[in-house]
Amino acid sequence: FVLNLKGNFVKYGFVYVMPMKKKHSIRFQTFLAEAPKGRKEVEVSMKLNDMKRLLGVPLKGCSYDSFGMFNDRVLKPTVKEINSKSFFTVDMGFMKKQGTKSVESILMYVRRDS
């Protein structure tokens, strides 16, 4: 069992997550560290529920069920902290379900600031 754990971790410097105060920012920073190292810019599209899982937010039964609350209390503060305290710059956009106002996916434009 312990031997199988080797492949499930991302190697990055503690110094990069140490300034982060929010748990969601640390999880997001870890995800960004997995981005292709050879590219300075990358575009990532992620379903809303996948983003919630990535950040450790429950999918149902919490105050973040609505996109507005999730965006205001989790996404915006996370991106703000990542942009100010890491070597990544993240811009986000949202894709809505066709014919509705519901957000289906999150588009992230990530730039690595050397």
C-alpha atoms as a PDB file:
ATOM      1  CA  PHE A   1       0.000   0.000   0.000  1.00  0.00           C
ATOM      2  CA  VAL A   2       2.666   2.517   0.976  1.00  0.00           C
ATOM      3  CA  LEU A   3       4.629   1.836  -2.197  1.00  0.00           C
ATOM      4  CA  ASN A   4       1.639   2.854  -4.339  1.00  0.00           C
ATOM      5  CA  LEU A   5       1.609   6.317  -2.783  1.00  0.00           C
ATOM      6  CA  LYS A   6       4.743   7.364  -4.645  1.00  0.00           C
ATOM      7  CA  GLY A   7       2.969   8.256  -7.883  1.00  0.00           C
ATOM      8  CA  ASN A   8       0.128  10.232  -6.299  1.00  0.00           C
ATOM      9  CA  PHE A   9       2.052  13.279  -5.165  1.00  0.00           C
ATOM     10  CA  VAL A  10       3.201  16.448  -6.860  1.00  0.00           C
ATOM     11  CA  LYS A  11       6.694  17.591  -6.067  1.00  0.00           C
ATOM     12  CA  TYR A  12       6.953  21.334  -5.472  1.00  0.00           C
ATOM     13  CA  GLY A  13       8.759  23.586  -3.092  1.00  0.00           C
ATOM     14  CA  PHE A  14       7.214  24.272   0.279  1.00  0.00           C
ATOM     15  CA  VAL A  15       8.271  27.868  -0.189  1.00  0.00           C
ATOM     16  CA  TYR A  16       5.632  28.238  -2.928  1.00  0.00           C
ATOM     17  CA  VAL A  17       2.658  27.248  -0.776  1.00  0.00           C
ATOM     18  CA  MET A  18       3.912  28.640   2.522  1.00  0.00           C
ATOM     19  CA  PRO A  19       2.576  32.184   1.832  1.00  0.00           C
ATOM     20  CA  MET A  20      -0.878  30.788   1.036  1.00  0.00           C
ATOM     21  CA  LYS A  21      -3.436  31.216   3.820  1.00  0.00           C
ATOM     22  CA  LYS A  22      -6.489  29.582   2.264  1.00  0.00           C
ATOM     23  CA  LYS A  23      -6.733  25.805   1.877  1.00  0.00           C
ATOM     24  CA  HIS A  24      -8.348  26.235  -1.535  1.00  0.00           C
ATOM     25  CA  SER A  25      -5.357  28.264  -2.726  1.00  0.00           C
ATOM     26  CA  ILE A  26      -2.945  25.553  -1.633  1.00  0.00           C
ATOM     27  CA  ARG A  27      -4.941  22.895  -3.499  1.00  0.00           C
ATOM     28  CA  PHE A  28      -5.132  25.090  -6.600  1.00  0.00           C
ATOM     29  CA  GLN A  29      -1.411  25.891  -6.442  1.00  0.00           C
ATOM     30  CA  THR A  30      -0.710  22.149  -6.347  1.00  0.00           C
ATOM     31  CA  PHE A  31      -2.869  21.653  -9.448  1.00  0.00           C
ATOM     32  CA  LEU A  32      -1.090  24.492 -11.255  1.00  0.00           C
ATOM     33  CA  ALA A  33       2.305  23.027 -10.384  1.00  0.00           C
ATOM     34  CA  GLU A  34       1.339  19.995 -12.496  1.00  0.00           C
ATOM     35  CA  ALA A  35       0.971  22.190 -15.595  1.00  0.00           C
ATOM     36  CA  PRO A  36       3.414  21.477 -18.410  1.00  0.00           C
ATOM     37  CA  LYS A  37       6.770  22.914 -17.371  1.00  0.00           C
ATOM     38  CA  GLY A  38       7.913  23.750 -20.889  1.00  0.00           C
ATOM     39  CA  ARG A  39       5.076  26.159 -21.599  1.00  0.00           C
ATOM     40  CA  LYS A  40       4.712  29.631 -20.147  1.00  0.00           C
ATOM     41  CA  GLU A  41       0.996  29.824 -20.915  1.00  0.00           C
ATOM     42  CA  VAL A  42      -1.687  27.171 -20.858  1.00  0.00           C
ATOM     43  CA  GLU A  43      -5.463  27.192 -21.265  1.00  0.00           C
ATOM     44  CA  VAL A  44      -7.447  24.779 -19.093  1.00  0.00           C
ATOM     45  CA  SER A  45     -11.158  24.023 -19.250  1.00  0.00           C
ATOM     46  CA  MET A  46     -12.754  22.300 -16.279  1.00  0.00           C
ATOM     47  CA  LYS A  47     -16.328  21.333 -15.442  1.00  0.00           C
ATOM     48  CA  LEU A  48     -17.732  23.183 -12.441  1.00  0.00           C
ATOM     49  CA  ASN A  49     -18.097  20.025 -10.334  1.00  0.00           C
ATOM     50  CA  ASP A  50     -14.534  18.977 -11.169  1.00  0.00           C
ATOM     51  CA  MET A  51     -13.288  22.353  -9.936  1.00  0.00           C
ATOM     52  CA  LYS A  52     -15.252  21.938  -6.710  1.00  0.00           C
ATOM     53  CA  ARG A  53     -13.714  18.477  -6.203  1.00  0.00           C
ATOM     54  CA  LEU A  54     -10.233  19.852  -6.908  1.00  0.00           C
ATOM     55  CA  LEU A  55     -10.672  22.550  -4.285  1.00  0.00           C
ATOM     56  CA  GLY A  56     -12.252  20.201  -1.751  1.00  0.00           C
ATOM     57  CA  VAL A  57     -15.687  21.828  -1.801  1.00  0.00           C
ATOM     58  CA  PRO A  58     -18.721  19.551  -1.242  1.00  0.00           C
ATOM     59  CA  LEU A  59     -20.893  19.165  -4.335  1.00  0.00           C
ATOM     60  CA  LYS A  60     -24.192  19.257  -2.452  1.00  0.00           C
ATOM     61  CA  GLY A  61     -25.554  20.370   0.882  1.00  0.00           C
ATOM     62  CA  CYS A  62     -23.416  23.431   1.553  1.00  0.00           C
ATOM     63  CA  SER A  63     -23.644  27.163   1.039  1.00  0.00           C
ATOM     64  CA  TYR A  64     -21.596  26.835  -2.183  1.00  0.00           C
ATOM     65  CA  ASP A  65     -24.328  24.969  -4.086  1.00  0.00           C
ATOM     66  CA  SER A  66     -25.088  28.117  -6.068  1.00  0.00           C
ATOM     67  CA  PHE A  67     -22.415  29.254  -8.480  1.00  0.00           C
ATOM     68  CA  GLY A  68     -22.631  32.838  -7.205  1.00  0.00           C
ATOM     69  CA  MET A  69     -21.665  31.852  -3.668  1.00  0.00           C
ATOM     70  CA  PHE A  70     -18.940  29.485  -4.893  1.00  0.00           C
ATOM     71  CA  ASN A  71     -17.537  32.169  -7.160  1.00  0.00           C
ATOM     72  CA  ASP A  72     -17.627  34.947  -4.549  1.00  0.00           C
ATOM     73  CA  ARG A  73     -16.378  32.951  -1.561  1.00  0.00           C
ATOM     74  CA  VAL A  74     -14.044  30.385  -3.117  1.00  0.00           C
ATOM     75  CA  LEU A  75     -12.982  31.066  -6.713  1.00  0.00           C
ATOM     76  CA  LYS A  76     -12.332  34.816  -6.591  1.00  0.00           C
ATOM     77  CA  PRO A  77     -10.380  34.737  -3.286  1.00  0.00           C
ATOM     78  CA  THR A  78      -8.389  31.718  -4.488  1.00  0.00           C
ATOM     79  CA  VAL A  79      -7.425  33.344  -7.784  1.00  0.00           C
ATOM     80  CA  LYS A  80      -6.607  36.611  -6.029  1.00  0.00           C
ATOM     81  CA  GLU A  81      -4.270  34.846  -3.585  1.00  0.00           C
ATOM     82  CA  ILE A  82      -2.640  32.764  -6.338  1.00  0.00           C
ATOM     83  CA  ASN A  83      -2.049  35.870  -8.451  1.00  0.00           C
ATOM     84  CA  SER A  84      -0.550  37.845  -5.573  1.00  0.00           C
ATOM     85  CA  LYS A  85       1.508  35.169  -3.795  1.00  0.00           C
ATOM     86  CA  SER A  86       2.666  32.675  -6.412  1.00  0.00           C
ATOM     87  CA  PHE A  87       4.584  32.581  -9.653  1.00  0.00           C
ATOM     88  CA  PHE A  88       1.352  31.983 -11.597  1.00  0.00           C
ATOM     89  CA  THR A  89      -1.100  34.465 -13.044  1.00  0.00           C
ATOM     90  CA  VAL A  90      -4.610  33.109 -13.541  1.00  0.00           C
ATOM     91  CA  ASP A  91      -7.478  34.667 -15.489  1.00  0.00           C
ATOM     92  CA  MET A  92     -10.849  32.945 -15.454  1.00  0.00           C
ATOM     93  CA  GLY A  93     -13.832  32.873 -17.738  1.00  0.00           C
ATOM     94  CA  PHE A  94     -17.028  30.881 -17.587  1.00  0.00           C
ATOM     95  CA  MET A  95     -18.957  28.830 -20.128  1.00  0.00           C
ATOM     96  CA  LYS A  96     -22.714  28.611 -19.656  1.00  0.00           C
ATOM     97  CA  LYS A  97     -24.985  25.756 -20.604  1.00  0.00           C
ATOM     98  CA  GLN A  98     -26.503  26.528 -23.969  1.00  0.00           C
ATOM     99  CA  GLY A  99     -29.782  28.374 -23.607  1.00  0.00           C
ATOM    100  CA  THR A 100     -29.464  28.864 -19.833  1.00  0.00           C
ATOM    101  CA  LYS A 101     -27.739  31.082 -17.300  1.00  0.00           C
ATOM    102  CA  SER A 102     -26.164  28.101 -15.506  1.00  0.00           C
ATOM    103  CA  VAL A 103     -22.362  27.938 -15.520  1.00  0.00           C
ATOM    104  CA  GLU A 104     -21.167  24.598 -16.835  1.00  0.00           C
ATOM    105  CA  SER A 105     -17.397  25.009 -17.157  1.00  0.00           C
ATOM    106  CA  ILE A 106     -14.589  27.235 -16.011  1.00  0.00           C
ATOM    107  CA  LEU A 107     -11.937  28.409 -18.467  1.00  0.00           C
ATOM    108  CA  MET A 108      -8.577  29.233 -16.950  1.00  0.00           C
ATOM    109  CA  TYR A 109      -5.770  31.042 -18.681  1.00  0.00           C
ATOM    110  CA  VAL A 110      -2.638  30.318 -16.690  1.00  0.00           C
ATOM    111  CA  ARG A 111       0.712  32.026 -17.150  1.00  0.00           C
ATOM    112  CA  ARG A 112       3.853  30.945 -15.351  1.00  0.00           C
ATOM    113  CA  ASP A 113       5.860  33.982 -14.279  1.00  0.00           C
ATOM    114  CA  SER A 114       9.264  32.268 -14.415  1.00  0.00           C
END
